[in-house]
Protein backbone atom coordinates (compact mmCIF):
# COMPACT_ATOMS: atom_id res chain seq x y z
CA VAL A 1 83.69 47.41 46.29
CA GLN A 2 81.01 44.76 45.81
CA LEU A 3 78.39 45.15 43.13
CA GLN A 4 75.16 43.20 42.82
CA ALA A 5 72.88 43.37 39.81
CA SER A 6 69.22 42.42 40.13
CA GLY A 7 65.93 42.76 38.31
CA GLY A 8 66.45 40.31 35.48
CA GLY A 9 63.91 37.74 34.43
CA LEU A 10 62.01 36.10 31.62
CA VAL A 11 59.98 38.51 29.55
CA GLN A 12 58.38 38.65 26.12
CA ALA A 13 59.58 40.71 23.21
CA GLY A 14 58.33 44.26 23.57
CA ASP A 15 58.27 44.18 27.35
CA SER A 16 60.30 46.37 29.71
CA LEU A 17 62.67 45.65 32.58
CA ARG A 18 64.40 47.78 35.18
CA LEU A 19 67.74 46.46 36.34
CA SER A 20 69.29 47.64 39.58
CA CYS A 21 72.91 47.72 40.70
CA ALA A 22 73.62 48.02 44.39
CA ALA A 23 77.12 48.76 45.64
CA SER A 24 78.62 48.11 49.03
CA GLY A 25 82.03 48.49 50.57
CA SER A 26 82.77 51.79 48.87
CA THR A 27 80.93 54.86 47.67
CA LEU A 28 80.49 55.26 43.91
CA ASP A 29 80.01 59.04 43.93
CA ASN A 30 83.25 59.77 42.10
CA TYR A 31 83.21 56.81 39.73
CA ALA A 32 81.59 55.89 36.48
CA ILE A 33 79.13 53.00 36.50
CA GLY A 34 78.51 50.77 33.53
CA TRP A 35 76.17 48.03 32.44
CA PHE A 36 77.62 45.19 30.39
CA ARG A 37 76.10 42.02 29.03
CA GLN A 38 77.28 38.66 27.81
CA ALA A 39 75.18 36.37 25.65
CA PRO A 40 75.96 32.66 25.31
CA GLY A 41 78.92 32.13 23.02
CA LYS A 42 79.62 35.84 22.71
CA GLU A 43 82.06 38.26 24.24
CA ARG A 44 80.98 40.65 26.95
CA GLU A 45 79.92 44.03 25.58
CA GLY A 46 79.16 47.40 27.03
CA VAL A 47 75.51 48.43 27.06
CA SER A 48 75.46 51.75 28.86
CA CYS A 49 77.56 53.90 31.13
CA ILE A 50 77.02 56.90 33.34
CA SER A 51 79.87 59.15 34.38
CA SER A 52 80.39 60.54 37.86
CA GLU A 53 78.92 63.81 36.52
CA GLY A 54 75.83 62.06 35.23
CA SER A 55 76.55 61.93 31.50
CA THR A 56 75.15 58.82 29.88
CA HIS A 57 76.41 56.77 26.95
CA TYR A 58 74.73 53.87 25.18
CA LYS A 59 75.56 51.07 22.78
CA ASP A 60 74.04 51.88 19.40
CA SER A 61 71.69 48.90 19.44
CA VAL A 62 69.98 50.04 22.66
CA LYS A 63 69.85 53.80 22.02
CA GLY A 64 66.31 55.05 22.44
CA ARG A 65 65.32 51.88 24.30
CA ALA A 66 67.64 52.05 27.30
CA PHE A 67 67.84 54.69 30.01
CA MET A 68 70.46 54.63 32.71
CA SER A 69 70.42 56.59 35.95
CA ARG A 70 72.24 56.67 39.25
CA ASP A 71 71.28 57.49 42.82
CA ASN A 72 74.39 58.37 44.78
CA ALA A 73 72.41 58.62 48.01
CA LYS A 74 71.55 54.94 47.60
CA ASN A 75 74.92 54.01 46.12
CA SER A 76 72.99 52.47 43.27
CA ALA A 77 72.46 52.63 39.54
CA TYR A 78 69.62 51.55 37.30
CA LEU A 79 69.06 50.50 33.73
CA GLU A 80 65.58 50.66 32.27
CA MET A 81 65.19 48.80 29.02
CA ASN A 82 62.08 49.07 26.89
CA SER A 83 60.92 47.32 23.73
CA LEU A 84 63.09 44.34 24.61
CA ARG A 85 64.20 42.07 21.78
CA PRO A 86 65.30 38.42 21.79
CA GLU A 87 68.82 39.63 20.96
CA ASP A 88 68.88 41.45 24.31
CA THR A 89 69.00 38.06 26.02
CA ALA A 90 72.17 37.88 28.11
CA VAL A 91 73.58 38.00 31.59
CA TYR A 92 73.76 41.66 32.57
CA TYR A 93 76.53 42.92 34.83
CA CYS A 94 77.13 46.26 36.46
CA ALA A 95 80.64 47.58 36.85
CA THR A 96 82.48 50.62 38.10
CA GLY A 97 85.64 52.44 37.17
CA THR A 98 87.34 55.79 36.90
CA LEU A 99 86.00 56.57 33.43
CA CYS A 100 83.14 55.30 31.33
CA TRP A 101 83.89 51.97 29.67
CA LEU A 102 87.17 51.65 31.64
CA MET A 103 85.84 49.46 34.42
CA ASP A 104 87.86 48.07 37.29
CA TYR A 105 85.26 46.06 39.16
CA PHE A 106 82.46 43.86 37.90
CA GLY A 107 79.68 42.45 40.01
CA LYS A 108 77.64 39.30 39.75
CA GLY A 109 75.18 39.38 36.92
CA THR A 110 71.46 38.98 36.47
CA GLN A 111 69.94 36.92 33.67
CA VAL A 112 67.65 38.60 31.18
CA THR A 113 65.81 36.33 28.78
CA VAL A 114 63.55 37.75 26.10
CA SER A 115 61.26 35.32 24.34
CA SER A 116 59.92 36.00 20.86
């Protein structure tokens, strides 16, 4: 499976962004999809995950600001982030796996930069 994240950019604190993850090569219907991020000098961390049944899970620091969804018909997933903060600056990756947070495949990322 190939995953491609898109939708990143340079925004100001308080703005919103909608990231998209498009999959090809395999259907994601029966798999969990996750969003991860990696800031400069930091380890990659999980941001959100949606199970194959549609249950969503979020990192504490984005709860209430992030909303993840999936569209199996489009073999895609989305992450809407509101009230963005400078600490949200990172490269965001989408990934897929059997269970939430246990990802087997990571795609290329998209840069999100939040200026203060």
